[in-house]
Structures are given as structure tokens and as C-alpha cells.
Amino acid sequence: MLIGVLSDTHGLLRPELLPALADVDHIFHAGDVGDPEILTELRRIAPITAIRGNIDRSGPCASLPSTEAIELAGCLIYILHSIDDLDLHPQAASIGVVLSGHSHKPSIEHRDGVLYLNPGSVGPRRFNLPITFALLRIDNGKPAARIIPLIS
């Protein structure tokens, strides 16, 4: 299963993103959506799981959940906006992947058998940080991720 992971669109759906996600089976948005139309457009590509970020606490995206857990292809995935708000022990909860956003800094880490993935931001550029998203592949319950630069 191939999953597109993005975060921090802040109301901007870059046209380069849509063809980059064309082959995914599912999409995760890790918050700071900014405009619900973004989710509508992404839903045309694949089913989507989205949460709210700090900019979504009021306004049109306020009804999104703050966290979500979903099992795909035999792997339990937990999504929250800021990794600093993680209030459970992923390994003890049998979580295979923790997805987060907020920092706009892409990262992939493995800790205690859990994959921690922050796809970075595909929204407006912040400081000198790259514009990135991630692809998460799950084969036989085993996750592997890579960060994809969208714009240099």
C-alpha cells in the first residue's frame, strides 16, 4: 500500500502536489489545513484521513479531530499535529507509525520499533525550509518512508 503524507498546507494547495500523489492508495494530512477545499481536492485522488492543527482550532477546519488512529495494510498509524503533544507510548499501544507535522521540518526516525514521520510542509515556504511531502509504503505490515521534495 502506498500512502501520501502531507502537512501544513496553510490554505495553499500547490498544483505540483496533485500529480505527485496520483498513485497513492490513501492520503494523510497532519494538520494546519487552513481551507477545507484542500481536503475536497485530495479526496478526488484517494481516501483521506486529516486532523486539525493549531491554525485549524477555529474556522472551517475546526471540526477535524485533533488525533486519529487507523490501521492500513496491517500497520496501526497514529496521527497528531505536533509531536510534542504525543501523550501515549506508541510501542506499548502497538502503533507502527506516528505521523506529525507542525515544525515544517521533514524527518524520518525509528525509535523502539516505531517509525516517526514528519513530511515537512507543502504550504507556504517558512524560513529556508524545503517544500516537501512524504510517501509511506506498507508491505506486510512493515512501514518504510521517504521524503519527497516538491519544489527546490
C-alpha atoms as a PDB file:
ATOM      1  CA  MET A   1       0.000   0.000   0.000  1.00  0.00           C
ATOM      2  CA  LEU A   2       1.294   3.457  -0.921  1.00  0.00           C
ATOM      3  CA  ILE A   3       0.259   6.412   1.233  1.00  0.00           C
ATOM      4  CA  GLY A   4       0.806  10.121   0.648  1.00  0.00           C
ATOM      5  CA  VAL A   5       1.600  12.065   3.814  1.00  0.00           C
ATOM      6  CA  LEU A   6       1.454  15.848   3.947  1.00  0.00           C
ATOM      7  CA  SER A   7       1.096  18.611   6.460  1.00  0.00           C
ATOM      8  CA  ASP A   8       0.915  22.348   6.946  1.00  0.00           C
ATOM      9  CA  THR A   9      -0.773  23.414   3.714  1.00  0.00           C
ATOM     10  CA  HIS A  10      -1.948  26.592   5.484  1.00  0.00           C
ATOM     11  CA  GLY A  11      -4.644  27.105   2.846  1.00  0.00           C
ATOM     12  CA  LEU A  12      -2.323  26.568  -0.141  1.00  0.00           C
ATOM     13  CA  LEU A  13      -2.786  23.565  -2.413  1.00  0.00           C
ATOM     14  CA  ARG A  14       0.213  23.603  -4.715  1.00  0.00           C
ATOM     15  CA  PRO A  15      -0.660  22.352  -8.212  1.00  0.00           C
ATOM     16  CA  GLU A  16       2.548  20.253  -8.302  1.00  0.00           C
ATOM     17  CA  LEU A  17       1.251  18.138  -5.417  1.00  0.00           C
ATOM     18  CA  LEU A  18      -1.732  16.576  -7.174  1.00  0.00           C
ATOM     19  CA  PRO A  19       0.174  14.653  -9.875  1.00  0.00           C
ATOM     20  CA  ALA A  20       2.793  13.664  -7.284  1.00  0.00           C
ATOM     21  CA  LEU A  21       0.037  11.894  -5.323  1.00  0.00           C
ATOM     22  CA  ALA A  22      -1.669  10.291  -8.344  1.00  0.00           C
ATOM     23  CA  ASP A  23      -0.683   6.696  -7.493  1.00  0.00           C
ATOM     24  CA  VAL A  24      -1.363   6.666  -3.738  1.00  0.00           C
ATOM     25  CA  ASP A  25      -3.996   4.469  -2.112  1.00  0.00           C
ATOM     26  CA  HIS A  26      -4.609   6.764   0.881  1.00  0.00           C
ATOM     27  CA  ILE A  27      -3.637  10.288   1.974  1.00  0.00           C
ATOM     28  CA  PHE A  28      -2.878  11.611   5.463  1.00  0.00           C
ATOM     29  CA  HIS A  29      -2.907  15.333   6.260  1.00  0.00           C
ATOM     30  CA  ALA A  30      -1.215  16.051   9.603  1.00  0.00           C
ATOM     31  CA  GLY A  31      -2.921  19.373  10.296  1.00  0.00           C
ATOM     32  CA  ASP A  32      -2.813  23.094   9.613  1.00  0.00           C
ATOM     33  CA  VAL A  33      -5.078  22.509   6.633  1.00  0.00           C
ATOM     34  CA  GLY A  34      -6.360  26.083   6.519  1.00  0.00           C
ATOM     35  CA  ASP A  35      -9.016  25.517   3.839  1.00  0.00           C
ATOM     36  CA  PRO A  36     -11.406  22.533   3.677  1.00  0.00           C
ATOM     37  CA  GLU A  37     -11.383  22.729  -0.134  1.00  0.00           C
ATOM     38  CA  ILE A  38      -7.880  21.255   0.045  1.00  0.00           C
ATOM     39  CA  LEU A  39      -9.328  18.085   1.565  1.00  0.00           C
ATOM     40  CA  THR A  40     -12.049  18.006  -1.099  1.00  0.00           C
ATOM     41  CA  GLU A  41      -9.432  18.149  -3.858  1.00  0.00           C
ATOM     42  CA  LEU A  42      -7.256  15.496  -2.226  1.00  0.00           C
ATOM     43  CA  ARG A  43     -10.284  13.219  -1.741  1.00  0.00           C
ATOM     44  CA  ARG A  44     -10.598  13.106  -5.541  1.00  0.00           C
ATOM     45  CA  ILE A  45      -7.275  11.246  -5.603  1.00  0.00           C
ATOM     46  CA  ALA A  46      -7.681   8.814  -2.682  1.00  0.00           C
ATOM     47  CA  PRO A  47      -9.438   8.401   0.673  1.00  0.00           C
ATOM     48  CA  ILE A  48      -8.073  10.893   3.174  1.00  0.00           C
ATOM     49  CA  THR A  49      -7.531  10.981   6.922  1.00  0.00           C
ATOM     50  CA  ALA A  50      -6.990  14.526   8.192  1.00  0.00           C
ATOM     51  CA  ILE A  51      -6.620  16.157  11.582  1.00  0.00           C
ATOM     52  CA  ARG A  52      -6.646  19.762  12.696  1.00  0.00           C
ATOM     53  CA  GLY A  53      -3.540  21.725  13.534  1.00  0.00           C
ATOM     54  CA  ASN A  54      -3.087  24.832  15.628  1.00  0.00           C
ATOM     55  CA  ILE A  55      -4.346  27.142  12.842  1.00  0.00           C
ATOM     56  CA  ASP A  56      -7.460  24.957  12.456  1.00  0.00           C
ATOM     57  CA  ARG A  57      -8.714  25.322  16.035  1.00  0.00           C
ATOM     58  CA  SER A  58     -11.288  27.852  14.848  1.00  0.00           C
ATOM     59  CA  GLY A  59     -12.783  28.400  11.431  1.00  0.00           C
ATOM     60  CA  PRO A  60     -13.845  25.938   8.757  1.00  0.00           C
ATOM     61  CA  CYS A  61     -11.457  23.105   9.750  1.00  0.00           C
ATOM     62  CA  ALA A  62     -12.197  23.225  13.497  1.00  0.00           C
ATOM     63  CA  SER A  63     -14.401  20.134  13.298  1.00  0.00           C
ATOM     64  CA  LEU A  64     -11.465  17.918  12.260  1.00  0.00           C
ATOM     65  CA  PRO A  65     -10.267  15.621  15.062  1.00  0.00           C
ATOM     66  CA  SER A  66      -7.078  16.520  16.946  1.00  0.00           C
ATOM     67  CA  THR A  67      -5.702  12.982  16.568  1.00  0.00           C
ATOM     68  CA  GLU A  68      -6.594   9.862  14.638  1.00  0.00           C
ATOM     69  CA  ALA A  69      -5.561   6.226  14.619  1.00  0.00           C
ATOM     70  CA  ILE A  70      -6.167   3.996  11.630  1.00  0.00           C
ATOM     71  CA  GLU A  71      -4.934   0.588  10.590  1.00  0.00           C
ATOM     72  CA  LEU A  72      -3.882   0.221   6.974  1.00  0.00           C
ATOM     73  CA  ALA A  73      -2.289  -2.854   5.417  1.00  0.00           C
ATOM     74  CA  GLY A  74      -1.708  -4.420   8.836  1.00  0.00           C
ATOM     75  CA  CYS A  75       0.006  -1.366  10.353  1.00  0.00           C
ATOM     76  CA  LEU A  76      -1.508   0.888  13.032  1.00  0.00           C
ATOM     77  CA  ILE A  77      -0.865   4.554  12.209  1.00  0.00           C
ATOM     78  CA  TYR A  78      -1.321   7.372  14.733  1.00  0.00           C
ATOM     79  CA  ILE A  79      -1.512  10.960  13.527  1.00  0.00           C
ATOM     80  CA  LEU A  80      -1.254  14.182  15.502  1.00  0.00           C
ATOM     81  CA  HIS A  81      -0.159  17.678  14.581  1.00  0.00           C
ATOM     82  CA  SER A  82       2.700  18.365  16.993  1.00  0.00           C
ATOM     83  CA  ILE A  83       4.931  15.537  18.180  1.00  0.00           C
ATOM     84  CA  ASP A  84       5.281  17.486  21.447  1.00  0.00           C
ATOM     85  CA  ASP A  85       1.635  16.606  22.179  1.00  0.00           C
ATOM     86  CA  LEU A  86       2.206  12.848  21.984  1.00  0.00           C
ATOM     87  CA  ASP A  87       0.675  11.563  25.226  1.00  0.00           C
ATOM     88  CA  LEU A  88       0.904   7.818  24.746  1.00  0.00           C
ATOM     89  CA  HIS A  89       3.644   5.236  24.350  1.00  0.00           C
ATOM     90  CA  PRO A  90       3.440   4.131  20.696  1.00  0.00           C
ATOM     91  CA  GLN A  91       5.290   0.858  21.171  1.00  0.00           C
ATOM     92  CA  ALA A  92       3.074  -0.161  24.110  1.00  0.00           C
ATOM     93  CA  ALA A  93      -0.014   0.673  22.017  1.00  0.00           C
ATOM     94  CA  SER A  94       1.238  -1.459  19.090  1.00  0.00           C
ATOM     95  CA  ILE A  95       1.500   1.616  16.868  1.00  0.00           C
ATOM     96  CA  GLY A  96       3.803   1.103  13.894  1.00  0.00           C
ATOM     97  CA  VAL A  97       3.891   4.693  12.594  1.00  0.00           C
ATOM     98  CA  VAL A  98       3.485   8.093  14.253  1.00  0.00           C
ATOM     99  CA  LEU A  99       2.764  10.919  11.803  1.00  0.00           C
ATOM    100  CA  SER A 100       3.123  14.557  12.783  1.00  0.00           C
ATOM    101  CA  GLY A 101       3.632  17.973  11.244  1.00  0.00           C
ATOM    102  CA  HIS A 102       3.775  21.461  12.785  1.00  0.00           C
ATOM    103  CA  SER A 103       7.541  22.077  12.630  1.00  0.00           C
ATOM    104  CA  HIS A 104       7.669  22.253   8.808  1.00  0.00           C
ATOM    105  CA  LYS A 105      10.901  20.226   9.137  1.00  0.00           C
ATOM    106  CA  PRO A 106      10.835  16.869   7.341  1.00  0.00           C
ATOM    107  CA  SER A 107      12.191  13.939   9.327  1.00  0.00           C
ATOM    108  CA  ILE A 108      12.185  10.166   9.485  1.00  0.00           C
ATOM    109  CA  GLU A 109      13.209   8.431  12.706  1.00  0.00           C
ATOM    110  CA  HIS A 110      12.975   4.910  14.062  1.00  0.00           C
ATOM    111  CA  ARG A 111      12.657   4.522  17.831  1.00  0.00           C
ATOM    112  CA  ASP A 112      11.776   1.358  19.728  1.00  0.00           C
ATOM    113  CA  GLY A 113      10.446  -0.283  16.569  1.00  0.00           C
ATOM    114  CA  VAL A 114       8.194   2.688  15.695  1.00  0.00           C
ATOM    115  CA  LEU A 115       8.568   4.855  12.579  1.00  0.00           C
ATOM    116  CA  TYR A 116       8.188   8.579  13.325  1.00  0.00           C
ATOM    117  CA  LEU A 117       7.481  10.599  10.188  1.00  0.00           C
ATOM    118  CA  ASN A 118       7.118  14.332   9.705  1.00  0.00           C
ATOM    119  CA  PRO A 119       6.582  15.064   5.994  1.00  0.00           C
ATOM    120  CA  GLY A 120       7.565  18.716   6.320  1.00  0.00           C
ATOM    121  CA  SER A 121       5.310  21.335   4.734  1.00  0.00           C
ATOM    122  CA  VAL A 122       3.749  21.655   1.285  1.00  0.00           C
ATOM    123  CA  GLY A 123       2.235  25.040   2.117  1.00  0.00           C
ATOM    124  CA  PRO A 124       3.814  28.490   2.044  1.00  0.00           C
ATOM    125  CA  ARG A 125       7.589  28.425   2.481  1.00  0.00           C
ATOM    126  CA  ARG A 126       8.722  29.110   6.039  1.00  0.00           C
ATOM    127  CA  PHE A 127      12.218  30.455   6.572  1.00  0.00           C
ATOM    128  CA  ASN A 128      14.587  28.435   4.360  1.00  0.00           C
ATOM    129  CA  LEU A 129      12.842  25.105   4.964  1.00  0.00           C
ATOM    130  CA  PRO A 130      12.143  22.870   1.970  1.00  0.00           C
ATOM    131  CA  ILE A 131       8.702  22.252   0.464  1.00  0.00           C
ATOM    132  CA  THR A 132       8.199  18.507   0.970  1.00  0.00           C
ATOM    133  CA  PHE A 133       5.738  15.688   1.488  1.00  0.00           C
ATOM    134  CA  ALA A 134       6.327  12.003   2.163  1.00  0.00           C
ATOM    135  CA  LEU A 135       5.442   8.660   0.697  1.00  0.00           C
ATOM    136  CA  LEU A 136       4.805   5.864   3.156  1.00  0.00           C
ATOM    137  CA  ARG A 137       4.814   2.306   1.851  1.00  0.00           C
ATOM    138  CA  ILE A 138       3.422  -0.523   3.940  1.00  0.00           C
ATOM    139  CA  ASP A 139       4.241  -4.068   2.861  1.00  0.00           C
ATOM    140  CA  ASN A 140       3.066  -6.969   5.039  1.00  0.00           C
ATOM    141  CA  GLY A 141       2.541  -4.596   7.955  1.00  0.00           C
ATOM    142  CA  LYS A 142       6.073  -3.144   7.679  1.00  0.00           C
ATOM    143  CA  PRO A 143       6.310   0.635   7.054  1.00  0.00           C
ATOM    144  CA  ALA A 144       9.013   2.435   5.094  1.00  0.00           C
ATOM    145  CA  ALA A 145       9.021   6.151   4.292  1.00  0.00           C
ATOM    146  CA  ARG A 146      10.820   8.653   2.138  1.00  0.00           C
ATOM    147  CA  ILE A 147      10.685  12.417   1.986  1.00  0.00           C
ATOM    148  CA  ILE A 148       9.873  13.868  -1.440  1.00  0.00           C
ATOM    149  CA  PRO A 149      10.964  17.415  -2.317  1.00  0.00           C
ATOM    150  CA  LEU A 150       8.134  19.120  -4.179  1.00  0.00           C
ATOM    151  CA  ILE A 151       9.917  22.358  -5.028  1.00  0.00           C
ATOM    152  CA  SER A 152      13.621  23.132  -4.860  1.00  0.00           C
END
